[in-house]
N, C-alpha and C. Protein backbone atom coordinates (compact mmCIF):
# COMPACT_ATOMS: atom_id res chain seq x y z
N MET A 1 125.41 115.31 99.32
CA MET A 1 124.89 116.66 99.18
C MET A 1 123.40 116.63 99.47
N ASP A 2 122.94 117.63 100.23
CA ASP A 2 121.54 117.71 100.64
C ASP A 2 120.97 119.07 100.25
N ALA A 3 119.68 119.19 100.39
CA ALA A 3 119.00 120.49 100.35
C ALA A 3 118.00 120.46 101.48
N LEU A 4 118.18 121.34 102.47
CA LEU A 4 117.35 121.34 103.67
C LEU A 4 116.58 122.66 103.77
N TYR A 5 115.30 122.57 104.11
CA TYR A 5 114.46 123.76 104.27
C TYR A 5 113.97 123.81 105.70
N SER A 6 113.98 125.02 106.29
CA SER A 6 113.39 125.20 107.61
C SER A 6 112.71 126.57 107.68
N ARG A 7 111.78 126.69 108.62
CA ARG A 7 111.04 127.94 108.80
C ARG A 7 111.01 128.26 110.29
N ALA A 8 111.20 129.53 110.60
CA ALA A 8 111.14 129.99 111.99
C ALA A 8 110.38 131.30 112.03
N ASP A 9 109.68 131.53 113.12
CA ASP A 9 108.97 132.78 113.36
C ASP A 9 109.51 133.39 114.64
N TYR A 10 109.61 134.71 114.66
CA TYR A 10 110.02 135.39 115.89
C TYR A 10 109.36 136.75 115.97
N ASP A 11 109.23 137.23 117.21
CA ASP A 11 108.68 138.56 117.48
C ASP A 11 109.83 139.47 117.87
N TYR A 12 109.83 140.68 117.30
CA TYR A 12 110.85 141.67 117.63
C TYR A 12 110.15 142.89 118.21
N THR A 13 110.50 143.24 119.44
CA THR A 13 109.92 144.39 120.13
C THR A 13 111.03 145.30 120.61
N SER A 14 110.87 146.60 120.38
CA SER A 14 111.88 147.55 120.87
C SER A 14 111.17 148.80 121.41
N ILE A 15 111.79 149.36 122.43
CA ILE A 15 111.36 150.65 122.99
C ILE A 15 112.61 151.51 123.07
N ARG A 16 112.57 152.64 122.41
CA ARG A 16 113.74 153.52 122.37
C ARG A 16 113.37 154.86 123.01
N TYR A 17 114.15 155.23 124.01
CA TYR A 17 113.95 156.51 124.69
C TYR A 17 114.68 157.59 123.90
N LEU A 18 113.96 158.63 123.48
CA LEU A 18 114.56 159.73 122.72
C LEU A 18 115.04 160.84 123.65
N SER A 19 114.13 161.41 124.38
CA SER A 19 114.45 162.46 125.36
C SER A 19 113.20 162.69 126.21
N ARG A 20 113.33 163.54 127.23
CA ARG A 20 112.19 163.82 128.09
C ARG A 20 111.06 164.50 127.31
N SER A 21 111.42 165.38 126.39
CA SER A 21 110.38 166.11 125.65
C SER A 21 109.83 165.30 124.47
N LEU A 22 110.67 164.49 123.84
CA LEU A 22 110.21 163.71 122.68
C LEU A 22 109.57 162.39 123.09
N GLY A 23 109.94 161.83 124.23
CA GLY A 23 109.31 160.61 124.71
C GLY A 23 109.97 159.35 124.18
N ASP A 24 109.16 158.31 124.01
CA ASP A 24 109.63 156.99 123.61
C ASP A 24 109.05 156.60 122.26
N ILE A 25 109.78 155.75 121.54
CA ILE A 25 109.27 155.13 120.31
C ILE A 25 109.13 153.64 120.58
N TYR A 26 107.95 153.11 120.29
CA TYR A 26 107.64 151.70 120.50
C TYR A 26 107.47 151.03 119.15
N ASN A 27 108.02 149.82 119.02
CA ASN A 27 107.90 149.08 117.77
C ASN A 27 107.76 147.59 118.09
N ALA A 28 106.80 146.91 117.47
CA ALA A 28 106.61 145.47 117.63
C ALA A 28 106.35 144.87 116.26
N GLU A 29 107.12 143.85 115.90
CA GLU A 29 107.00 143.24 114.58
C GLU A 29 106.95 141.73 114.70
N LYS A 30 106.22 141.10 113.81
CA LYS A 30 106.17 139.64 113.69
C LYS A 30 106.92 139.28 112.41
N HIS A 31 107.95 138.43 112.54
CA HIS A 31 108.79 138.04 111.42
C HIS A 31 108.64 136.56 111.12
N GLY A 32 108.82 136.21 109.86
CA GLY A 32 108.93 134.82 109.43
C GLY A 32 110.22 134.66 108.64
N VAL A 33 111.01 133.66 108.99
CA VAL A 33 112.29 133.43 108.32
C VAL A 33 112.25 132.09 107.62
N ASP A 34 112.47 132.12 106.30
CA ASP A 34 112.62 130.90 105.52
C ASP A 34 114.10 130.67 105.30
N GLN A 35 114.56 129.44 105.50
CA GLN A 35 115.98 129.14 105.34
C GLN A 35 116.14 127.92 104.44
N VAL A 36 117.01 128.06 103.45
CA VAL A 36 117.40 126.93 102.60
C VAL A 36 118.90 126.74 102.77
N GLU A 37 119.27 125.53 103.14
CA GLU A 37 120.68 125.20 103.35
C GLU A 37 121.07 124.10 102.38
N ILE A 38 122.19 124.29 101.69
CA ILE A 38 122.72 123.28 100.77
C ILE A 38 124.12 122.91 101.23
N PRO A 39 124.22 121.83 102.06
CA PRO A 39 125.53 121.40 102.53
C PRO A 39 126.14 120.36 101.60
N ALA A 40 127.46 120.38 101.51
CA ALA A 40 128.21 119.36 100.77
C ALA A 40 129.26 118.82 101.74
N LEU A 41 129.18 117.53 102.04
CA LEU A 41 130.06 116.92 103.03
C LEU A 41 130.84 115.77 102.40
N ALA A 42 132.07 115.63 102.85
CA ALA A 42 132.86 114.43 102.55
C ALA A 42 132.71 113.53 103.77
N LYS A 43 132.33 112.28 103.56
CA LYS A 43 132.09 111.37 104.67
C LYS A 43 133.08 110.20 104.61
N TYR A 44 133.56 109.83 105.78
CA TYR A 44 134.43 108.65 105.90
C TYR A 44 133.65 107.58 106.63
N TYR A 45 133.45 106.44 105.97
CA TYR A 45 132.75 105.31 106.57
C TYR A 45 133.78 104.35 107.14
N PHE A 46 133.68 104.05 108.43
CA PHE A 46 134.63 103.16 109.08
C PHE A 46 134.38 101.72 108.62
N PRO A 47 135.44 101.00 108.30
CA PRO A 47 135.28 99.62 107.83
C PRO A 47 134.94 98.68 109.00
N VAL A 48 133.65 98.46 109.20
CA VAL A 48 133.17 97.62 110.28
C VAL A 48 132.28 96.55 109.68
N ALA A 49 132.47 95.31 110.10
CA ALA A 49 131.62 94.22 109.63
C ALA A 49 130.28 94.28 110.35
N GLY A 50 129.22 93.95 109.66
CA GLY A 50 127.89 93.94 110.27
C GLY A 50 126.96 94.89 109.55
N ILE A 51 125.77 95.05 110.13
CA ILE A 51 124.75 95.88 109.48
C ILE A 51 124.86 97.35 109.87
N LEU A 52 125.62 97.69 110.92
CA LEU A 52 125.82 99.08 111.33
C LEU A 52 127.17 99.58 110.83
N GLN A 53 127.15 100.72 110.16
CA GLN A 53 128.38 101.30 109.62
C GLN A 53 128.48 102.76 110.08
N PRO A 54 129.36 103.05 111.07
CA PRO A 54 129.52 104.42 111.55
C PRO A 54 130.30 105.28 110.55
N PHE A 55 130.06 106.60 110.61
CA PHE A 55 130.76 107.52 109.71
C PHE A 55 130.98 108.85 110.39
N LEU A 56 131.96 109.59 109.89
CA LEU A 56 132.21 110.99 110.24
C LEU A 56 132.23 111.80 108.97
N GLY A 57 131.81 113.05 109.04
CA GLY A 57 131.80 113.90 107.86
C GLY A 57 132.16 115.33 108.18
N ALA A 58 132.66 116.03 107.19
CA ALA A 58 132.99 117.45 107.32
C ALA A 58 132.82 118.10 105.97
N GLY A 59 132.52 119.38 105.97
CA GLY A 59 132.36 120.08 104.70
C GLY A 59 131.88 121.50 104.91
N GLY A 60 131.27 122.02 103.88
CA GLY A 60 130.78 123.39 103.90
C GLY A 60 129.34 123.44 103.44
N SER A 61 128.76 124.61 103.60
CA SER A 61 127.36 124.77 103.27
C SER A 61 127.09 126.21 102.85
N VAL A 62 126.12 126.37 101.98
CA VAL A 62 125.62 127.69 101.59
C VAL A 62 124.22 127.81 102.16
N VAL A 63 123.97 128.93 102.86
CA VAL A 63 122.67 129.13 103.52
C VAL A 63 122.04 130.41 102.97
N TYR A 64 120.79 130.29 102.54
CA TYR A 64 120.00 131.43 102.06
C TYR A 64 118.89 131.67 103.07
N ASP A 65 118.83 132.88 103.63
CA ASP A 65 117.78 133.27 104.58
C ASP A 65 116.95 134.39 104.00
N ARG A 66 115.64 134.31 104.21
CA ARG A 66 114.71 135.35 103.78
C ARG A 66 113.86 135.72 104.99
N ASP A 67 114.07 136.93 105.53
CA ASP A 67 113.38 137.42 106.72
C ASP A 67 112.31 138.41 106.27
N GLN A 68 111.05 138.04 106.46
CA GLN A 68 109.92 138.86 106.01
C GLN A 68 109.07 139.28 107.20
N ILE A 69 108.76 140.57 107.30
CA ILE A 69 107.84 141.06 108.33
C ILE A 69 106.42 140.75 107.85
N SER A 70 105.65 140.05 108.68
CA SER A 70 104.27 139.78 108.29
C SER A 70 103.35 140.91 108.73
N HIS A 71 103.56 141.44 109.92
CA HIS A 71 102.78 142.60 110.38
C HIS A 71 103.46 143.19 111.61
N GLY A 72 103.02 144.36 111.98
CA GLY A 72 103.61 145.02 113.15
C GLY A 72 102.84 146.27 113.51
N GLU A 73 103.28 146.88 114.60
CA GLU A 73 102.68 148.14 115.04
C GLU A 73 103.72 148.91 115.81
N GLY A 74 103.48 150.18 115.95
CA GLY A 74 104.43 151.02 116.67
C GLY A 74 103.79 152.34 117.03
N GLY A 75 104.57 153.17 117.67
CA GLY A 75 104.04 154.47 118.05
C GLY A 75 105.07 155.29 118.79
N GLN A 76 104.70 156.54 119.04
CA GLN A 76 105.55 157.44 119.81
C GLN A 76 104.68 158.14 120.84
N ALA A 77 105.17 158.16 122.07
CA ALA A 77 104.44 158.84 123.14
C ALA A 77 105.36 159.88 123.76
N SER A 78 104.85 161.09 123.93
CA SER A 78 105.63 162.17 124.51
C SER A 78 104.84 162.79 125.65
N PRO A 79 105.40 162.77 126.86
CA PRO A 79 104.65 163.36 127.98
C PRO A 79 104.46 164.86 127.86
N ALA A 80 105.37 165.56 127.18
CA ALA A 80 105.28 167.02 127.08
C ALA A 80 104.68 167.47 125.75
N GLY A 81 104.50 166.54 124.82
CA GLY A 81 104.07 166.95 123.48
C GLY A 81 102.61 166.70 123.23
N PRO A 82 102.23 166.73 121.95
CA PRO A 82 100.83 166.51 121.57
C PRO A 82 100.43 165.05 121.82
N MET A 83 99.25 164.72 121.42
CA MET A 83 98.72 163.37 121.60
C MET A 83 99.68 162.34 120.99
N PRO A 84 99.81 161.15 121.58
CA PRO A 84 100.67 160.12 121.01
C PRO A 84 100.11 159.65 119.67
N PHE A 85 101.00 159.18 118.80
CA PHE A 85 100.52 158.64 117.53
C PHE A 85 100.97 157.18 117.43
N PHE A 86 100.15 156.39 116.72
CA PHE A 86 100.43 154.98 116.53
C PHE A 86 100.31 154.67 115.06
N TYR A 87 101.02 153.63 114.65
CA TYR A 87 100.97 153.24 113.24
C TYR A 87 100.95 151.72 113.15
N SER A 88 100.51 151.25 112.01
CA SER A 88 100.44 149.82 111.74
C SER A 88 101.36 149.50 110.58
N ILE A 89 102.03 148.35 110.63
CA ILE A 89 102.97 147.95 109.59
C ILE A 89 102.33 146.86 108.75
N ASN A 90 102.23 147.10 107.45
CA ASN A 90 101.78 146.08 106.51
C ASN A 90 103.03 145.42 105.95
N GLY A 91 103.31 144.20 106.43
CA GLY A 91 104.53 143.51 106.03
C GLY A 91 104.63 143.25 104.54
N GLY A 92 103.48 143.15 103.85
CA GLY A 92 103.52 142.90 102.41
C GLY A 92 104.12 144.05 101.62
N LEU A 93 104.17 145.24 102.21
CA LEU A 93 104.72 146.41 101.51
C LEU A 93 106.21 146.58 101.75
N ILE A 94 106.78 145.83 102.69
CA ILE A 94 108.19 145.96 103.02
C ILE A 94 108.95 144.81 102.36
N PRO A 95 109.97 145.10 101.57
CA PRO A 95 110.71 144.01 100.94
C PRO A 95 111.43 143.16 101.99
N PRO A 96 111.52 141.84 101.76
CA PRO A 96 112.18 140.99 102.74
C PRO A 96 113.68 141.25 102.78
N MET A 97 114.28 140.96 103.94
CA MET A 97 115.72 141.05 104.08
C MET A 97 116.29 139.66 103.77
N THR A 98 117.16 139.60 102.79
CA THR A 98 117.74 138.32 102.41
C THR A 98 119.24 138.33 102.66
N THR A 99 119.76 137.20 103.07
CA THR A 99 121.19 137.04 103.27
C THR A 99 121.61 135.69 102.71
N VAL A 100 122.82 135.65 102.19
CA VAL A 100 123.44 134.40 101.76
C VAL A 100 124.76 134.31 102.51
N SER A 101 124.98 133.19 103.19
CA SER A 101 126.19 133.05 103.98
C SER A 101 126.78 131.66 103.80
N GLY A 102 128.03 131.54 104.13
CA GLY A 102 128.71 130.25 104.09
C GLY A 102 128.94 129.76 105.50
N ASP A 103 129.06 128.48 105.66
CA ASP A 103 129.27 127.93 106.98
C ASP A 103 130.04 126.63 106.91
N GLY A 104 130.49 126.17 108.05
CA GLY A 104 131.17 124.89 108.17
C GLY A 104 130.25 123.87 108.80
N VAL A 105 130.42 122.61 108.41
CA VAL A 105 129.55 121.55 108.88
C VAL A 105 130.40 120.36 109.35
N LEU A 106 130.06 119.85 110.52
CA LEU A 106 130.64 118.61 111.05
C LEU A 106 129.51 117.63 111.29
N ALA A 107 129.74 116.34 111.01
CA ALA A 107 128.68 115.35 111.15
C ALA A 107 129.24 114.04 111.64
N GLY A 108 128.38 113.27 112.25
CA GLY A 108 128.70 111.92 112.67
C GLY A 108 127.43 111.11 112.75
N GLY A 109 127.54 109.82 112.47
CA GLY A 109 126.33 109.01 112.51
C GLY A 109 126.60 107.57 112.18
N VAL A 110 125.52 106.90 111.85
CA VAL A 110 125.59 105.48 111.55
C VAL A 110 124.56 105.15 110.46
N VAL A 111 124.91 104.19 109.61
CA VAL A 111 124.00 103.70 108.58
C VAL A 111 123.66 102.26 108.91
N LEU A 112 122.36 101.97 108.96
CA LEU A 112 121.87 100.62 109.18
C LEU A 112 121.48 100.05 107.83
N SER A 113 122.13 98.98 107.41
CA SER A 113 121.86 98.38 106.09
C SER A 113 121.29 96.98 106.28
N HIS A 114 120.17 96.76 105.65
CA HIS A 114 119.56 95.43 105.62
C HIS A 114 118.97 95.21 104.24
N ARG A 115 119.61 94.36 103.47
CA ARG A 115 119.23 94.09 102.08
C ARG A 115 119.23 95.39 101.27
N ALA A 116 118.12 95.77 100.71
CA ALA A 116 118.09 96.99 99.88
C ALA A 116 117.74 98.23 100.70
N LEU A 117 117.44 98.06 101.99
CA LEU A 117 117.05 99.18 102.84
C LEU A 117 118.28 99.72 103.58
N HIS A 118 118.49 101.03 103.49
CA HIS A 118 119.59 101.71 104.17
C HIS A 118 119.01 102.92 104.91
N VAL A 119 119.10 102.88 106.24
CA VAL A 119 118.59 103.96 107.06
C VAL A 119 119.78 104.65 107.72
N SER A 120 119.80 105.98 107.64
CA SER A 120 120.90 106.76 108.18
C SER A 120 120.41 107.63 109.32
N ALA A 121 121.15 107.60 110.44
CA ALA A 121 120.89 108.51 111.57
C ALA A 121 122.15 109.36 111.73
N GLU A 122 121.97 110.68 111.76
CA GLU A 122 123.12 111.58 111.74
C GLU A 122 122.90 112.75 112.68
N ILE A 123 123.96 113.14 113.38
CA ILE A 123 123.98 114.37 114.17
C ILE A 123 124.90 115.33 113.43
N ARG A 124 124.39 116.53 113.16
CA ARG A 124 125.14 117.49 112.35
C ARG A 124 125.22 118.83 113.08
N TYR A 125 126.43 119.39 113.17
CA TYR A 125 126.65 120.71 113.75
C TYR A 125 126.98 121.67 112.61
N THR A 126 126.23 122.76 112.53
CA THR A 126 126.45 123.77 111.50
C THR A 126 126.87 125.07 112.17
N HIS A 127 128.00 125.60 111.77
CA HIS A 127 128.50 126.87 112.31
C HIS A 127 128.42 127.92 111.22
N LEU A 128 127.49 128.89 111.39
CA LEU A 128 127.35 129.97 110.43
C LEU A 128 128.35 131.06 110.75
N PHE A 129 129.07 131.53 109.77
CA PHE A 129 130.12 132.51 109.98
C PHE A 129 129.61 133.95 110.01
N ASP A 130 128.41 134.21 109.48
CA ASP A 130 127.88 135.57 109.41
C ASP A 130 126.63 135.70 110.26
N ASP A 131 126.39 136.91 110.79
CA ASP A 131 125.12 137.19 111.47
C ASP A 131 124.01 137.17 110.43
N VAL A 132 122.95 136.40 110.71
CA VAL A 132 121.83 136.38 109.77
C VAL A 132 120.63 137.14 110.30
N VAL A 133 120.61 137.44 111.59
CA VAL A 133 119.59 138.29 112.17
C VAL A 133 120.33 139.49 112.75
N THR A 134 120.07 140.67 112.21
CA THR A 134 120.86 141.83 112.61
C THR A 134 119.98 143.01 113.04
N GLN A 135 118.96 142.72 113.83
CA GLN A 135 118.18 143.81 114.39
C GLN A 135 119.07 144.57 115.37
N PRO A 136 118.78 145.83 115.67
CA PRO A 136 119.67 146.62 116.53
C PRO A 136 119.97 145.97 117.88
N ALA A 137 119.01 145.29 118.49
CA ALA A 137 119.25 144.71 119.81
C ALA A 137 119.43 143.20 119.78
N LEU A 138 119.45 142.60 118.60
CA LEU A 138 119.50 141.15 118.50
C LEU A 138 120.50 140.75 117.43
N HIS A 139 121.50 140.00 117.82
CA HIS A 139 122.47 139.47 116.86
C HIS A 139 122.62 137.99 117.11
N THR A 140 122.51 137.19 116.09
CA THR A 140 122.71 135.76 116.24
C THR A 140 123.29 135.20 114.95
N ASN A 141 124.15 134.25 115.09
CA ASN A 141 124.67 133.58 113.90
C ASN A 141 123.95 132.25 113.68
N ARG A 142 123.02 131.94 114.56
CA ARG A 142 122.15 130.77 114.46
C ARG A 142 122.91 129.48 114.22
N ASN A 143 124.00 129.26 114.97
CA ASN A 143 124.64 127.96 114.95
C ASN A 143 123.59 126.93 115.33
N GLN A 144 123.67 125.74 114.75
CA GLN A 144 122.62 124.78 115.04
C GLN A 144 123.16 123.36 115.12
N LEU A 145 122.50 122.57 115.93
CA LEU A 145 122.76 121.16 116.06
C LEU A 145 121.51 120.46 115.57
N SER A 146 121.66 119.59 114.57
CA SER A 146 120.50 118.95 113.96
C SER A 146 120.63 117.44 114.05
N PHE A 147 119.49 116.78 114.19
CA PHE A 147 119.43 115.32 114.11
C PHE A 147 118.68 114.99 112.83
N LEU A 148 119.31 114.25 111.95
CA LEU A 148 118.70 113.89 110.67
C LEU A 148 118.51 112.38 110.59
N LEU A 149 117.37 111.98 110.12
CA LEU A 149 117.06 110.58 109.90
C LEU A 149 116.65 110.44 108.45
N GLY A 150 117.31 109.53 107.73
CA GLY A 150 117.02 109.45 106.30
C GLY A 150 117.03 108.03 105.78
N ILE A 151 116.42 107.87 104.63
CA ILE A 151 116.42 106.58 103.93
C ILE A 151 117.27 106.79 102.68
N LEU A 152 118.27 105.94 102.50
CA LEU A 152 119.20 106.03 101.38
C LEU A 152 118.82 105.03 100.31
N PHE A 153 118.97 105.43 99.07
CA PHE A 153 118.67 104.54 97.94
C PHE A 153 119.94 104.14 97.24
């Protein structure tokens, strides 16, 4: 069982056409996503003589995502209407969007053992079952392939 933390930043920009008289709405936001993943895997270690011991693993994981807008700006421009207006977004005033999802995990790797030192190299595929980014023009389930290197005690 592990607890993994990651952080990602992304920019979200949209332009929406309303009509000829109303014009367009422009929006640009800077987001920061904090992710905590707690996977639990059952691992099978192949019985091999020597210092290298390969393994395969499978299991499930719970993922908590927190998507917070740090800042942004937007506006509306109308060719037939009054002067365009613009606004600024203070991300601290907008509550973060949080999601909790479950996923499946597959892993494979090898453990190098020498006396009391055990080093593990692992490739892990995580398949998230739910969309965690759900902006109107952007949908992703953020499936990921990870390489983990660890020291075992």
